[in-house]
PDB file of N, CA and C in Angstrom:
ATOM      1  N   MET A   1    -146.840  11.094  74.273  1.00  0.00           N
ATOM      2  CA  MET A   1    -145.612  10.448  73.384  1.00  0.00           C
ATOM      3  C   MET A   1    -146.215  10.387  71.989  1.00  0.00           C
ATOM      4  N   ALA A   2    -145.404  10.759  70.798  1.00  0.00           N
ATOM      5  CA  ALA A   2    -146.104  10.571  69.577  1.00  0.00           C
ATOM      6  C   ALA A   2    -145.238   9.628  69.001  1.00  0.00           C
ATOM      7  N   TYR A   3    -145.874   8.852  67.895  1.00  0.00           N
ATOM      8  CA  TYR A   3    -145.143   7.936  67.225  1.00  0.00           C
ATOM      9  C   TYR A   3    -145.288   8.017  65.654  1.00  0.00           C
ATOM     10  N   VAL A   4    -144.069   7.738  64.987  1.00  0.00           N
ATOM     11  CA  VAL A   4    -144.162   8.046  63.732  1.00  0.00           C
ATOM     12  C   VAL A   4    -143.799   6.733  62.953  1.00  0.00           C
ATOM     13  N   GLY A   5    -144.644   6.408  61.997  1.00  0.00           N
ATOM     14  CA  GLY A   5    -144.420   5.215  61.314  1.00  0.00           C
ATOM     15  C   GLY A   5    -144.225   5.413  59.947  1.00  0.00           C
ATOM     16  N   ILE A   6    -143.269   4.803  59.114  1.00  0.00           N
ATOM     17  CA  ILE A   6    -142.840   4.807  57.654  1.00  0.00           C
ATOM     18  C   ILE A   6    -142.838   3.470  57.351  1.00  0.00           C
ATOM     19  N   ALA A   7    -143.794   3.129  56.359  1.00  0.00           N
ATOM     20  CA  ALA A   7    -143.771   1.681  55.610  1.00  0.00           C
ATOM     21  C   ALA A   7    -143.143   1.912  54.112  1.00  0.00           C
ATOM     22  N   ARG A   8    -142.192   1.094  53.709  1.00  0.00           N
ATOM     23  CA  ARG A   8    -141.657   1.103  52.291  1.00  0.00           C
ATOM     24  C   ARG A   8    -142.284  -0.340  51.966  1.00  0.00           C
ATOM     25  N   LEU A   9    -143.013  -0.097  50.689  1.00  0.00           N
ATOM     26  CA  LEU A   9    -143.805  -1.350  50.136  1.00  0.00           C
ATOM     27  C   LEU A   9    -143.411  -1.471  48.964  1.00  0.00           C
ATOM     28  N   SER A  10    -142.754  -2.501  48.463  1.00  0.00           N
ATOM     29  CA  SER A  10    -142.404  -2.910  47.084  1.00  0.00           C
ATOM     30  C   SER A  10    -143.279  -3.811  46.440  1.00  0.00           C
ATOM     31  N   PHE A  11    -143.716  -3.656  45.216  1.00  0.00           N
ATOM     32  CA  PHE A  11    -144.752  -4.419  44.581  1.00  0.00           C
ATOM     33  C   PHE A  11    -144.162  -4.794  43.169  1.00  0.00           C
ATOM     34  N   ARG A  12    -144.536  -5.935  42.819  1.00  0.00           N
ATOM     35  CA  ARG A  12    -144.315  -6.068  41.287  1.00  0.00           C
ATOM     36  C   ARG A  12    -145.693  -6.259  40.646  1.00  0.00           C
ATOM     37  N   ALA A  13    -145.746  -5.664  39.348  1.00  0.00           N
ATOM     38  CA  ALA A  13    -147.050  -5.831  38.609  1.00  0.00           C
ATOM     39  C   ALA A  13    -146.558  -6.246  37.246  1.00  0.00           C
ATOM     40  N   GLY A  14    -146.501  -7.440  36.866  1.00  0.00           N
ATOM     41  CA  GLY A  14    -146.052  -8.047  35.926  1.00  0.00           C
ATOM     42  C   GLY A  14    -146.719  -8.193  34.558  1.00  0.00           C
ATOM     43  N   TYR A  15    -148.049  -7.751  34.964  1.00  0.00           N
ATOM     44  CA  TYR A  15    -148.739  -7.443  33.736  1.00  0.00           C
ATOM     45  C   TYR A  15    -148.670  -6.074  32.891  1.00  0.00           C
ATOM     46  N   VAL A  16    -148.119  -5.270  33.659  1.00  0.00           N
ATOM     47  CA  VAL A  16    -148.086  -3.620  33.210  1.00  0.00           C
ATOM     48  C   VAL A  16    -146.923  -3.548  32.014  1.00  0.00           C
ATOM     49  N   ARG A  17    -147.562  -2.862  30.816  1.00  0.00           N
ATOM     50  CA  ARG A  17    -146.690  -2.885  29.588  1.00  0.00           C
ATOM     51  C   ARG A  17    -145.930  -1.595  29.411  1.00  0.00           C
ATOM     52  N   SER A  18    -146.418  -0.477  30.369  1.00  0.00           N
ATOM     53  CA  SER A  18    -145.951   0.930  30.103  1.00  0.00           C
ATOM     54  C   SER A  18    -145.991   1.623  31.310  1.00  0.00           C
ATOM     55  N   LEU A  19    -145.014   2.881  30.935  1.00  0.00           N
ATOM     56  CA  LEU A  19    -145.139   3.721  32.334  1.00  0.00           C
ATOM     57  C   LEU A  19    -146.418   4.336  32.512  1.00  0.00           C
ATOM     58  N   LYS A  20    -147.017   4.638  31.208  1.00  0.00           N
ATOM     59  CA  LYS A  20    -148.406   5.319  31.381  1.00  0.00           C
ATOM     60  C   LYS A  20    -149.272   4.355  31.978  1.00  0.00           C
ATOM     61  N   GLU A  21    -149.421   3.183  32.079  1.00  0.00           N
ATOM     62  CA  GLU A  21    -150.272   2.137  32.710  1.00  0.00           C
ATOM     63  C   GLU A  21    -149.913   2.199  34.122  1.00  0.00           C
ATOM     64  N   LYS A  22    -148.747   2.231  34.349  1.00  0.00           N
ATOM     65  CA  LYS A  22    -148.164   2.162  35.679  1.00  0.00           C
ATOM     66  C   LYS A  22    -148.528   3.413  36.316  1.00  0.00           C
ATOM     67  N   ARG A  23    -148.399   4.416  35.917  1.00  0.00           N
ATOM     68  CA  ARG A  23    -148.924   5.816  36.621  1.00  0.00           C
ATOM     69  C   ARG A  23    -150.336   5.696  36.860  1.00  0.00           C
ATOM     70  N   SER A  24    -151.184   5.018  35.818  1.00  0.00           N
ATOM     71  CA  SER A  24    -152.504   5.034  36.015  1.00  0.00           C
ATOM     72  C   SER A  24    -152.900   4.157  37.451  1.00  0.00           C
ATOM     73  N   ILE A  25    -152.067   3.059  37.430  1.00  0.00           N
ATOM     74  CA  ILE A  25    -152.366   1.884  38.638  1.00  0.00           C
ATOM     75  C   ILE A  25    -151.689   2.872  40.042  1.00  0.00           C
ATOM     76  N   VAL A  26    -150.668   3.342  39.954  1.00  0.00           N
ATOM     77  CA  VAL A  26    -150.159   4.084  40.808  1.00  0.00           C
ATOM     78  C   VAL A  26    -151.056   5.251  41.553  1.00  0.00           C
ATOM     79  N   ASN A  27    -151.539   6.032  40.585  1.00  0.00           N
ATOM     80  CA  ASN A  27    -152.500   7.125  40.935  1.00  0.00           C
ATOM     81  C   ASN A  27    -153.689   6.538  41.753  1.00  0.00           C
ATOM     82  N   SER A  28    -154.274   5.424  41.109  1.00  0.00           N
ATOM     83  CA  SER A  28    -155.467   5.053  41.744  1.00  0.00           C
ATOM     84  C   SER A  28    -155.151   4.272  43.054  1.00  0.00           C
ATOM     85  N   LEU A  29    -154.122   3.467  42.998  1.00  0.00           N
ATOM     86  CA  LEU A  29    -153.779   2.890  44.430  1.00  0.00           C
ATOM     87  C   LEU A  29    -153.567   4.238  45.301  1.00  0.00           C
ATOM     88  N   LYS A  30    -152.759   5.244  45.059  1.00  0.00           N
ATOM     89  CA  LYS A  30    -152.873   6.319  46.207  1.00  0.00           C
ATOM     90  C   LYS A  30    -153.876   6.860  46.741  1.00  0.00           C
ATOM     91  N   ALA A  31    -154.761   7.210  45.450  1.00  0.00           N
ATOM     92  CA  ALA A  31    -156.097   7.795  45.763  1.00  0.00           C
ATOM     93  C   ALA A  31    -156.977   6.967  46.767  1.00  0.00           C
ATOM     94  N   LYS A  32    -157.240   5.596  46.481  1.00  0.00           N
ATOM     95  CA  LYS A  32    -157.902   4.686  47.253  1.00  0.00           C
ATOM     96  C   LYS A  32    -157.140   4.627  48.790  1.00  0.00           C
ATOM     97  N   VAL A  33    -155.818   4.499  48.770  1.00  0.00           N
ATOM     98  CA  VAL A  33    -155.342   4.294  50.137  1.00  0.00           C
ATOM     99  C   VAL A  33    -155.659   5.637  51.010  1.00  0.00           C
ATOM    100  N   LYS A  34    -155.442   6.784  50.356  1.00  0.00           N
ATOM    101  CA  LYS A  34    -155.548   8.100  51.224  1.00  0.00           C
ATOM    102  C   LYS A  34    -156.946   8.207  51.522  1.00  0.00           C
ATOM    103  N   ASN A  35    -157.978   7.679  50.634  1.00  0.00           N
ATOM    104  CA  ASN A  35    -159.541   7.900  51.029  1.00  0.00           C
ATOM    105  C   ASN A  35    -159.911   7.104  52.241  1.00  0.00           C
ATOM    106  N   LYS A  36    -159.205   5.722  52.180  1.00  0.00           N
ATOM    107  CA  LYS A  36    -159.743   4.640  53.160  1.00  0.00           C
ATOM    108  C   LYS A  36    -158.927   4.869  54.515  1.00  0.00           C
ATOM    109  N   PHE A  37    -157.626   5.250  54.445  1.00  0.00           N
ATOM    110  CA  PHE A  37    -156.647   5.275  55.825  1.00  0.00           C
ATOM    111  C   PHE A  37    -156.296   6.600  55.904  1.00  0.00           C
ATOM    112  N   ASN A  38    -155.924   7.174  57.242  1.00  0.00           N
ATOM    113  CA  ASN A  38    -155.583   8.380  57.365  1.00  0.00           C
ATOM    114  C   ASN A  38    -154.090   8.371  57.280  1.00  0.00           C
ATOM    115  N   VAL A  39    -153.393   8.181  55.967  1.00  0.00           N
ATOM    116  CA  VAL A  39    -151.880   8.250  55.910  1.00  0.00           C
ATOM    117  C   VAL A  39    -151.539   9.215  54.677  1.00  0.00           C
ATOM    118  N   SER A  40    -150.155   9.490  54.825  1.00  0.00           N
ATOM    119  CA  SER A  40    -149.645  10.049  53.920  1.00  0.00           C
ATOM    120  C   SER A  40    -149.157   8.799  52.629  1.00  0.00           C
ATOM    121  N   ILE A  41    -149.263   9.042  51.481  1.00  0.00           N
ATOM    122  CA  ILE A  41    -148.533   7.998  50.598  1.00  0.00           C
ATOM    123  C   ILE A  41    -147.998   8.629  49.416  1.00  0.00           C
ATOM    124  N   SER A  42    -146.873   7.973  48.799  1.00  0.00           N
ATOM    125  CA  SER A  42    -146.228   8.664  47.769  1.00  0.00           C
ATOM    126  C   SER A  42    -145.381   7.551  47.029  1.00  0.00           C
ATOM    127  N   GLU A  43    -145.226   7.517  45.801  1.00  0.00           N
ATOM    128  CA  GLU A  43    -144.377   6.673  45.088  1.00  0.00           C
ATOM    129  C   GLU A  43    -142.882   7.338  45.094  1.00  0.00           C
ATOM    130  N   THR A  44    -142.027   6.484  45.702  1.00  0.00           N
ATOM    131  CA  THR A  44    -140.705   6.818  46.069  1.00  0.00           C
ATOM    132  C   THR A  44    -139.596   6.465  45.313  1.00  0.00           C
ATOM    133  N   GLU A  45    -139.682   5.233  44.669  1.00  0.00           N
ATOM    134  CA  GLU A  45    -138.547   4.612  43.972  1.00  0.00           C
ATOM    135  C   GLU A  45    -138.987   3.913  42.758  1.00  0.00           C
ATOM    136  N   ASP A  46    -138.128   3.549  41.862  1.00  0.00           N
ATOM    137  CA  ASP A  46    -138.254   2.723  40.539  1.00  0.00           C
ATOM    138  C   ASP A  46    -139.210   3.280  39.788  1.00  0.00           C
ATOM    139  N   LEU A  47    -139.253   4.882  39.561  1.00  0.00           N
ATOM    140  CA  LEU A  47    -140.222   5.668  38.891  1.00  0.00           C
ATOM    141  C   LEU A  47    -140.123   5.412  37.295  1.00  0.00           C
ATOM    142  N   ASP A  48    -138.910   4.982  36.868  1.00  0.00           N
ATOM    143  CA  ASP A  48    -139.001   4.582  35.381  1.00  0.00           C
ATOM    144  C   ASP A  48    -138.938   3.175  35.096  1.00  0.00           C
ATOM    145  N   GLN A  49    -139.261   2.330  36.019  1.00  0.00           N
ATOM    146  CA  GLN A  49    -139.380   0.848  35.791  1.00  0.00           C
ATOM    147  C   GLN A  49    -140.839   0.500  35.821  1.00  0.00           C
ATOM    148  N   HIS A  50    -141.352   0.100  34.709  1.00  0.00           N
ATOM    149  CA  HIS A  50    -142.780   0.028  34.740  1.00  0.00           C
ATOM    150  C   HIS A  50    -143.361  -1.283  35.329  1.00  0.00           C
ATOM    151  N   LYS A  51    -142.613  -2.366  35.823  1.00  0.00           N
ATOM    152  CA  LYS A  51    -143.383  -3.515  36.421  1.00  0.00           C
ATOM    153  C   LYS A  51    -143.016  -3.281  37.964  1.00  0.00           C
ATOM    154  N   SER A  52    -142.394  -2.294  38.737  1.00  0.00           N
ATOM    155  CA  SER A  52    -141.931  -2.108  39.845  1.00  0.00           C
ATOM    156  C   SER A  52    -142.582  -1.147  40.137  1.00  0.00           C
ATOM    157  N   ILE A  53    -143.357  -1.356  41.515  1.00  0.00           N
ATOM    158  CA  ILE A  53    -143.956  -0.098  42.273  1.00  0.00           C
ATOM    159  C   ILE A  53    -143.545   0.006  43.843  1.00  0.00           C
ATOM    160  N   VAL A  54    -142.716   1.035  44.004  1.00  0.00           N
ATOM    161  CA  VAL A  54    -142.266   1.291  45.509  1.00  0.00           C
ATOM    162  C   VAL A  54    -143.039   2.460  45.932  1.00  0.00           C
ATOM    163  N   ILE A  55    -143.720   2.222  47.181  1.00  0.00           N
ATOM    164  CA  ILE A  55    -144.380   3.313  47.732  1.00  0.00           C
ATOM    165  C   ILE A  55    -143.967   3.369  49.104  1.00  0.00           C
ATOM    166  N   SER A  56    -144.122   4.570  49.941  1.00  0.00           N
ATOM    167  CA  SER A  56    -143.861   4.852  50.977  1.00  0.00           C
ATOM    168  C   SER A  56    -145.183   5.361  51.623  1.00  0.00           C
ATOM    169  N   VAL A  57    -145.362   5.018  52.905  1.00  0.00           N
ATOM    170  CA  VAL A  57    -146.673   5.358  53.653  1.00  0.00           C
ATOM    171  C   VAL A  57    -146.083   5.829  55.077  1.00  0.00           C
ATOM    172  N   ALA A  58    -146.782   7.121  55.533  1.00  0.00           N
ATOM    173  CA  ALA A  58    -146.280   7.487  56.839  1.00  0.00           C
ATOM    174  C   ALA A  58    -147.520   7.599  57.461  1.00  0.00           C
ATOM    175  N   CYS A  59    -147.261   7.585  58.882  1.00  0.00           N
ATOM    176  CA  CYS A  59    -148.875   7.656  59.746  1.00  0.00           C
ATOM    177  C   CYS A  59    -148.209   8.206  61.126  1.00  0.00           C
ATOM    178  N   VAL A  60    -149.047   8.919  61.881  1.00  0.00           N
ATOM    179  CA  VAL A  60    -148.764   9.517  63.275  1.00  0.00           C
ATOM    180  C   VAL A  60    -149.686   9.157  63.970  1.00  0.00           C
ATOM    181  N   SER A  61    -149.280   8.676  65.167  1.00  0.00           N
ATOM    182  CA  SER A  61    -150.290   8.534  66.299  1.00  0.00           C
ATOM    183  C   SER A  61    -149.703   8.334  67.639  1.00  0.00           C
ATOM    184  N   SER A  62    -150.570   8.517  68.743  1.00  0.00           N
ATOM    185  CA  SER A  62    -150.215   8.464  70.174  1.00  0.00           C
ATOM    186  C   SER A  62    -149.700   6.902  70.614  1.00  0.00           C
ATOM    187  N   ASP A  63    -150.267   5.891  69.620  1.00  0.00           N
ATOM    188  CA  ASP A  63    -150.235   4.592  70.063  1.00  0.00           C
ATOM    189  C   ASP A  63    -149.578   3.817  69.080  1.00  0.00           C
ATOM    190  N   ARG A  64    -148.484   3.298  69.471  1.00  0.00           N
ATOM    191  CA  ARG A  64    -147.551   2.461  68.383  1.00  0.00           C
ATOM    192  C   ARG A  64    -148.380   1.302  67.856  1.00  0.00           C
ATOM    193  N   ASP A  65    -149.295   0.649  68.452  1.00  0.00           N
ATOM    194  CA  ASP A  65    -150.038  -0.500  68.024  1.00  0.00           C
ATOM    195  C   ASP A  65    -150.871  -0.078  66.819  1.00  0.00           C
ATOM    196  N   ILE A  66    -151.601   1.119  67.176  1.00  0.00           N
ATOM    197  CA  ILE A  66    -152.447   1.622  65.791  1.00  0.00           C
ATOM    198  C   ILE A  66    -151.527   1.832  64.579  1.00  0.00           C
ATOM    199  N   ILE A  67    -150.481   2.198  64.620  1.00  0.00           N
ATOM    200  CA  ILE A  67    -149.507   2.572  63.539  1.00  0.00           C
ATOM    201  C   ILE A  67    -149.177   1.090  62.929  1.00  0.00           C
ATOM    202  N   GLU A  68    -148.797   0.116  63.584  1.00  0.00           N
ATOM    203  CA  GLU A  68    -148.616  -1.073  63.376  1.00  0.00           C
ATOM    204  C   GLU A  68    -149.656  -1.705  62.497  1.00  0.00           C
ATOM    205  N   GLY A  69    -150.965  -1.716  63.207  1.00  0.00           N
ATOM    206  CA  GLY A  69    -152.012  -2.083  62.639  1.00  0.00           C
ATOM    207  C   GLY A  69    -152.479  -1.347  61.247  1.00  0.00           C
ATOM    208  N   THR A  70    -152.187  -0.176  61.078  1.00  0.00           N
ATOM    209  CA  THR A  70    -152.699   0.675  60.236  1.00  0.00           C
ATOM    210  C   THR A  70    -151.625   0.302  58.899  1.00  0.00           C
ATOM    211  N   MET A  71    -150.593  -0.013  59.027  1.00  0.00           N
ATOM    212  CA  MET A  71    -149.373  -0.340  58.052  1.00  0.00           C
ATOM    213  C   MET A  71    -149.786  -1.725  57.491  1.00  0.00           C
ATOM    214  N   ARG A  72    -150.202  -2.648  58.383  1.00  0.00           N
ATOM    215  CA  ARG A  72    -150.781  -3.939  58.028  1.00  0.00           C
ATOM    216  C   ARG A  72    -151.952  -3.886  57.109  1.00  0.00           C
ATOM    217  N   LYS A  73    -152.656  -3.072  57.577  1.00  0.00           N
ATOM    218  CA  LYS A  73    -154.112  -3.016  56.678  1.00  0.00           C
ATOM    219  C   LYS A  73    -153.770  -2.447  55.407  1.00  0.00           C
ATOM    220  N   VAL A  74    -152.957  -1.445  55.117  1.00  0.00           N
ATOM    221  CA  VAL A  74    -152.706  -0.707  54.116  1.00  0.00           C
ATOM    222  C   VAL A  74    -152.168  -1.853  53.145  1.00  0.00           C
ATOM    223  N   ALA A  75    -151.042  -2.349  53.438  1.00  0.00           N
ATOM    224  CA  ALA A  75    -150.574  -3.393  52.727  1.00  0.00           C
ATOM    225  C   ALA A  75    -151.501  -4.523  52.123  1.00  0.00           C
ATOM    226  N   ASP A  76    -152.359  -4.975  53.338  1.00  0.00           N
ATOM    227  CA  ASP A  76    -153.260  -5.950  52.961  1.00  0.00           C
ATOM    228  C   ASP A  76    -154.370  -5.479  51.993  1.00  0.00           C
ATOM    229  N   PHE A  77    -154.831  -4.265  51.877  1.00  0.00           N
ATOM    230  CA  PHE A  77    -155.518  -3.535  51.074  1.00  0.00           C
ATOM    231  C   PHE A  77    -155.192  -3.148  49.834  1.00  0.00           C
ATOM    232  N   ILE A  78    -153.764  -2.947  49.647  1.00  0.00           N
ATOM    233  CA  ILE A  78    -153.450  -2.909  48.421  1.00  0.00           C
ATOM    234  C   ILE A  78    -153.233  -4.420  47.594  1.00  0.00           C
ATOM    235  N   LEU A  79    -152.841  -5.464  48.436  1.00  0.00           N
ATOM    236  CA  LEU A  79    -152.711  -6.685  47.733  1.00  0.00           C
ATOM    237  C   LEU A  79    -154.231  -7.387  47.549  1.00  0.00           C
ATOM    238  N   ASN A  80    -155.272  -6.831  48.188  1.00  0.00           N
ATOM    239  CA  ASN A  80    -156.650  -7.357  47.965  1.00  0.00           C
ATOM    240  C   ASN A  80    -157.197  -6.594  46.894  1.00  0.00           C
ATOM    241  N   SER A  81    -156.798  -5.241  46.574  1.00  0.00           N
ATOM    242  CA  SER A  81    -157.501  -4.425  45.692  1.00  0.00           C
ATOM    243  C   SER A  81    -156.863  -4.146  44.190  1.00  0.00           C
ATOM    244  N   PHE A  82    -155.781  -4.845  44.169  1.00  0.00           N
ATOM    245  CA  PHE A  82    -154.831  -4.557  42.990  1.00  0.00           C
ATOM    246  C   PHE A  82    -154.162  -5.911  42.606  1.00  0.00           C
ATOM    247  N   ASP A  83    -153.861  -6.104  41.614  1.00  0.00           N
ATOM    248  CA  ASP A  83    -153.299  -7.195  40.817  1.00  0.00           C
ATOM    249  C   ASP A  83    -151.713  -7.097  40.893  1.00  0.00           C
ATOM    250  N   VAL A  84    -151.246  -6.940  42.249  1.00  0.00           N
ATOM    251  CA  VAL A  84    -149.821  -6.758  42.515  1.00  0.00           C
ATOM    252  C   VAL A  84    -149.198  -7.954  43.440  1.00  0.00           C
ATOM    253  N   GLU A  85    -147.934  -8.111  43.321  1.00  0.00           N
ATOM    254  CA  GLU A  85    -147.348  -8.980  44.286  1.00  0.00           C
ATOM    255  C   GLU A  85    -146.323  -8.308  45.195  1.00  0.00           C
ATOM    256  N   LEU A  86    -146.627  -8.618  46.439  1.00  0.00           N
ATOM    257  CA  LEU A  86    -145.858  -8.085  47.571  1.00  0.00           C
ATOM    258  C   LEU A  86    -144.412  -8.630  47.309  1.00  0.00           C
ATOM    259  N   ILE A  87    -143.227  -7.957  47.048  1.00  0.00           N
ATOM    260  CA  ILE A  87    -142.128  -8.256  47.180  1.00  0.00           C
ATOM    261  C   ILE A  87    -141.278  -8.158  48.383  1.00  0.00           C
ATOM    262  N   GLN A  88    -141.306  -6.787  48.808  1.00  0.00           N
ATOM    263  CA  GLN A  88    -140.599  -6.529  50.222  1.00  0.00           C
ATOM    264  C   GLN A  88    -141.420  -5.408  50.906  1.00  0.00           C
ATOM    265  N   GLU A  89    -141.466  -5.641  52.437  1.00  0.00           N
ATOM    266  CA  GLU A  89    -142.213  -4.624  53.269  1.00  0.00           C
ATOM    267  C   GLU A  89    -141.109  -4.215  54.319  1.00  0.00           C
ATOM    268  N   GLU A  90    -140.811  -3.059  54.833  1.00  0.00           N
ATOM    269  CA  GLU A  90    -140.269  -2.678  55.757  1.00  0.00           C
ATOM    270  C   GLU A  90    -140.827  -1.496  56.384  1.00  0.00           C
ATOM    271  N   THR A  91    -141.010  -1.610  57.866  1.00  0.00           N
ATOM    272  CA  THR A  91    -141.698  -0.775  58.307  1.00  0.00           C
ATOM    273  C   THR A  91    -140.883  -0.089  59.662  1.00  0.00           C
ATOM    274  N   TYR A  92    -140.825   1.013  59.907  1.00  0.00           N
ATOM    275  CA  TYR A  92    -139.836   1.667  60.769  1.00  0.00           C
ATOM    276  C   TYR A  92    -141.038   2.674  61.656  1.00  0.00           C
ATOM    277  N   ILE A  93    -140.815   2.431  62.945  1.00  0.00           N
ATOM    278  CA  ILE A  93    -141.740   3.282  63.930  1.00  0.00           C
ATOM    279  C   ILE A  93    -140.585   3.864  64.946  1.00  0.00           C
ATOM    280  N   ASP A  94    -140.677   5.340  65.072  1.00  0.00           N
ATOM    281  CA  ASP A  94    -139.811   6.016  66.029  1.00  0.00           C
ATOM    282  C   ASP A  94    -140.563   6.811  66.844  1.00  0.00           C
ATOM    283  N   ASN A  95    -140.353   6.911  68.060  1.00  0.00           N
ATOM    284  CA  ASN A  95    -141.187   7.782  69.109  1.00  0.00           C
ATOM    285  C   ASN A  95    -140.500   9.037  69.144  1.00  0.00           C
ATOM    286  N   TYR A  96    -141.349  10.060  69.458  1.00  0.00           N
ATOM    287  CA  TYR A  96    -140.926  11.638  69.781  1.00  0.00           C
ATOM    288  C   TYR A  96    -141.490  12.110  71.268  1.00  0.00           C
TER     289      TYR A  96
END
């Protein structure tokens, strides 16, 4: 059985002053997460709000626990690597 997990992570970056600065942070965040974890990641919402970062992360595995652990590690990695505050975290896991 295959499991697909999707996490929607909302962050606040209160120090960001422009969309250009936000774009730089988001690009760095996405590259580092992709390099460290075997996931797909994209900025999916609030593209025009410079203090808000909303990303979605997708992961596929044959083990539900691996997906749950990976999503938790991704969120923790972002919090420890970037000066952002986690506002909301939603994770959905489905089996096929």
